[in-house]
Amino acid sequence: MTTQPFPFAPDPTPEDRETGRLMFAGPIDFLKGAVAMDGLPPADRLEVCFAGRSNVGKSSLINALTGRKNLARASNTPGRTQEINYFTVGEDRYLVDLPGYGYAEAP
């Protein structure tokens, strides 16, 4: 018997897994870091956002999903991501690395 992290979600099919893999396998590039709302890119595509506490591994997860070591800059110091970082995923998506909340050692 296998346990599912979400009991209401069905196990993904091999096709589902391949679709998910391909979502992050294409061209992905850093677009910009925004410090204020007026610096955000246009809301013209799907955004996949990563939010959570400081030092939980949001940037590391983005790097792992995309197979790139230094796409999203990761640090051992909590609170280093202080901008909303946008990455383009092909022509129709953004990956968004949000600043952490809670414990932080950065100024």
C-alpha atoms as a PDB file:
ATOM      1  CA  MET A   1       0.000   0.000   0.000  1.00  0.00           C
ATOM      2  CA  THR A   2       1.329   3.427  -0.928  1.00  0.00           C
ATOM      3  CA  THR A   3       0.441   6.582   0.909  1.00  0.00           C
ATOM      4  CA  GLN A   4      -0.382   9.721  -0.987  1.00  0.00           C
ATOM      5  CA  PRO A   5       0.536  13.183   0.264  1.00  0.00           C
ATOM      6  CA  PHE A   6      -2.973  14.317  -0.659  1.00  0.00           C
ATOM      7  CA  PRO A   7      -5.522  11.542  -0.135  1.00  0.00           C
ATOM      8  CA  PHE A   8      -8.007  13.226  -2.466  1.00  0.00           C
ATOM      9  CA  ALA A   9      -5.565  13.375  -5.403  1.00  0.00           C
ATOM     10  CA  PRO A  10      -5.203  10.393  -7.730  1.00  0.00           C
ATOM     11  CA  ASP A  11      -1.777   8.965  -8.473  1.00  0.00           C
ATOM     12  CA  PRO A  12      -0.301  10.727 -11.511  1.00  0.00           C
ATOM     13  CA  THR A  13      -0.195   8.710 -14.694  1.00  0.00           C
ATOM     14  CA  PRO A  14       3.040   8.374 -16.681  1.00  0.00           C
ATOM     15  CA  GLU A  15       1.580  10.946 -19.092  1.00  0.00           C
ATOM     16  CA  ASP A  16       0.945  13.356 -16.193  1.00  0.00           C
ATOM     17  CA  ARG A  17       4.534  12.948 -15.004  1.00  0.00           C
ATOM     18  CA  GLU A  18       5.898  13.619 -18.487  1.00  0.00           C
ATOM     19  CA  THR A  19       3.718  16.721 -18.842  1.00  0.00           C
ATOM     20  CA  GLY A  20       5.071  18.008 -15.519  1.00  0.00           C
ATOM     21  CA  ARG A  21       8.662  17.252 -16.498  1.00  0.00           C
ATOM     22  CA  LEU A  22       8.285  19.030 -19.826  1.00  0.00           C
ATOM     23  CA  MET A  23       6.828  22.092 -18.090  1.00  0.00           C
ATOM     24  CA  PHE A  24      10.243  22.792 -16.583  1.00  0.00           C
ATOM     25  CA  ALA A  25      12.459  21.257 -19.299  1.00  0.00           C
ATOM     26  CA  GLY A  26      12.181  24.034 -21.893  1.00  0.00           C
ATOM     27  CA  PRO A  27      14.003  27.331 -22.094  1.00  0.00           C
ATOM     28  CA  ILE A  28      13.890  29.138 -18.753  1.00  0.00           C
ATOM     29  CA  ASP A  29      15.569  32.498 -18.214  1.00  0.00           C
ATOM     30  CA  PHE A  30      15.745  35.111 -15.482  1.00  0.00           C
ATOM     31  CA  LEU A  31      13.503  38.019 -16.489  1.00  0.00           C
ATOM     32  CA  LYS A  32      13.694  40.520 -13.634  1.00  0.00           C
ATOM     33  CA  GLY A  33      13.590  41.151  -9.919  1.00  0.00           C
ATOM     34  CA  ALA A  34      10.865  43.502  -8.712  1.00  0.00           C
ATOM     35  CA  VAL A  35      10.964  45.410  -5.429  1.00  0.00           C
ATOM     36  CA  ALA A  36       7.659  47.267  -5.881  1.00  0.00           C
ATOM     37  CA  MET A  37       4.294  46.570  -7.490  1.00  0.00           C
ATOM     38  CA  ASP A  38       4.982  48.957 -10.357  1.00  0.00           C
ATOM     39  CA  GLY A  39       8.002  46.843 -11.320  1.00  0.00           C
ATOM     40  CA  LEU A  40       6.017  43.654 -11.924  1.00  0.00           C
ATOM     41  CA  PRO A  41       5.839  42.332 -15.489  1.00  0.00           C
ATOM     42  CA  PRO A  42       2.460  42.326 -17.246  1.00  0.00           C
ATOM     43  CA  ALA A  43      -0.041  39.742 -16.013  1.00  0.00           C
ATOM     44  CA  ASP A  44      -0.264  38.170 -19.456  1.00  0.00           C
ATOM     45  CA  ARG A  45       0.531  34.525 -18.659  1.00  0.00           C
ATOM     46  CA  LEU A  46       0.238  31.784 -16.088  1.00  0.00           C
ATOM     47  CA  GLU A  47       2.433  32.279 -13.017  1.00  0.00           C
ATOM     48  CA  VAL A  48       3.738  29.394 -10.912  1.00  0.00           C
ATOM     49  CA  CYS A  49       4.730  31.024  -7.607  1.00  0.00           C
ATOM     50  CA  PHE A  50       6.879  29.603  -4.824  1.00  0.00           C
ATOM     51  CA  ALA A  51       6.042  31.026  -1.410  1.00  0.00           C
ATOM     52  CA  GLY A  52       7.064  30.003   2.086  1.00  0.00           C
ATOM     53  CA  ARG A  53       9.134  30.799   5.127  1.00  0.00           C
ATOM     54  CA  SER A  54      12.682  32.064   4.887  1.00  0.00           C
ATOM     55  CA  ASN A  55      15.319  29.384   4.329  1.00  0.00           C
ATOM     56  CA  VAL A  56      12.812  26.662   3.400  1.00  0.00           C
ATOM     57  CA  GLY A  57      14.367  26.002  -0.029  1.00  0.00           C
ATOM     58  CA  LYS A  58      12.150  27.837  -2.533  1.00  0.00           C
ATOM     59  CA  SER A  59      15.089  28.864  -4.739  1.00  0.00           C
ATOM     60  CA  SER A  60      16.670  25.416  -4.434  1.00  0.00           C
ATOM     61  CA  LEU A  61      13.387  23.816  -5.514  1.00  0.00           C
ATOM     62  CA  ILE A  62      13.245  26.031  -8.618  1.00  0.00           C
ATOM     63  CA  ASN A  63      16.804  25.006  -9.457  1.00  0.00           C
ATOM     64  CA  ALA A  64      15.991  21.319  -8.957  1.00  0.00           C
ATOM     65  CA  LEU A  65      12.812  21.449 -11.062  1.00  0.00           C
ATOM     66  CA  THR A  66      14.585  23.189 -13.921  1.00  0.00           C
ATOM     67  CA  GLY A  67      17.747  21.094 -13.711  1.00  0.00           C
ATOM     68  CA  ARG A  68      19.867  24.241 -13.377  1.00  0.00           C
ATOM     69  CA  LYS A  69      22.258  24.817 -10.483  1.00  0.00           C
ATOM     70  CA  ASN A  70      22.261  28.608 -10.398  1.00  0.00           C
ATOM     71  CA  LEU A  71      19.074  29.814 -12.069  1.00  0.00           C
ATOM     72  CA  ALA A  72      17.519  30.998  -8.799  1.00  0.00           C
ATOM     73  CA  ARG A  73      20.206  32.171  -6.431  1.00  0.00           C
ATOM     74  CA  ALA A  74      20.148  30.185  -3.213  1.00  0.00           C
ATOM     75  CA  SER A  75      21.936  31.135   0.001  1.00  0.00           C
ATOM     76  CA  ASN A  76      22.591  29.536   3.361  1.00  0.00           C
ATOM     77  CA  THR A  77      21.587  32.831   5.011  1.00  0.00           C
ATOM     78  CA  PRO A  78      17.824  33.108   5.629  1.00  0.00           C
ATOM     79  CA  GLY A  79      16.100  36.071   3.997  1.00  0.00           C
ATOM     80  CA  ARG A  80      18.472  36.665   1.074  1.00  0.00           C
ATOM     81  CA  THR A  81      15.710  36.735  -1.542  1.00  0.00           C
ATOM     82  CA  GLN A  82      14.327  40.229  -1.068  1.00  0.00           C
ATOM     83  CA  GLU A  83      12.855  40.817  -4.511  1.00  0.00           C
ATOM     84  CA  ILE A  84      10.091  39.071  -6.409  1.00  0.00           C
ATOM     85  CA  ASN A  85      12.162  37.199  -8.984  1.00  0.00           C
ATOM     86  CA  TYR A  86      10.536  36.343 -12.322  1.00  0.00           C
ATOM     87  CA  PHE A  87      11.747  33.651 -14.697  1.00  0.00           C
ATOM     88  CA  THR A  88      10.261  33.104 -18.152  1.00  0.00           C
ATOM     89  CA  VAL A  89       9.241  29.558 -19.019  1.00  0.00           C
ATOM     90  CA  GLY A  90       8.846  29.470 -22.766  1.00  0.00           C
ATOM     91  CA  GLU A  91       6.374  31.976 -24.127  1.00  0.00           C
ATOM     92  CA  ASP A  92       3.430  31.292 -21.850  1.00  0.00           C
ATOM     93  CA  ARG A  93       4.546  31.002 -18.187  1.00  0.00           C
ATOM     94  CA  TYR A  94       6.462  32.639 -15.399  1.00  0.00           C
ATOM     95  CA  LEU A  95       8.136  30.957 -12.453  1.00  0.00           C
ATOM     96  CA  VAL A  96       8.077  33.375  -9.535  1.00  0.00           C
ATOM     97  CA  ASP A  97      10.435  33.131  -6.555  1.00  0.00           C
ATOM     98  CA  LEU A  98       8.848  35.127  -3.729  1.00  0.00           C
ATOM     99  CA  PRO A  99      10.756  36.488  -0.731  1.00  0.00           C
ATOM    100  CA  GLY A 100      10.497  34.360   2.384  1.00  0.00           C
ATOM    101  CA  TYR A 101       8.668  35.442   5.480  1.00  0.00           C
ATOM    102  CA  GLY A 102       9.412  34.881   9.141  1.00  0.00           C
ATOM    103  CA  TYR A 103      12.949  34.313  10.383  1.00  0.00           C
ATOM    104  CA  ALA A 104      15.637  36.143   8.387  1.00  0.00           C
ATOM    105  CA  GLU A 105      19.234  37.187   8.991  1.00  0.00           C
ATOM    106  CA  ALA A 106      19.498  39.542   6.009  1.00  0.00           C
ATOM    107  CA  PRO A 107      19.134  43.300   6.490  1.00  0.00           C
END
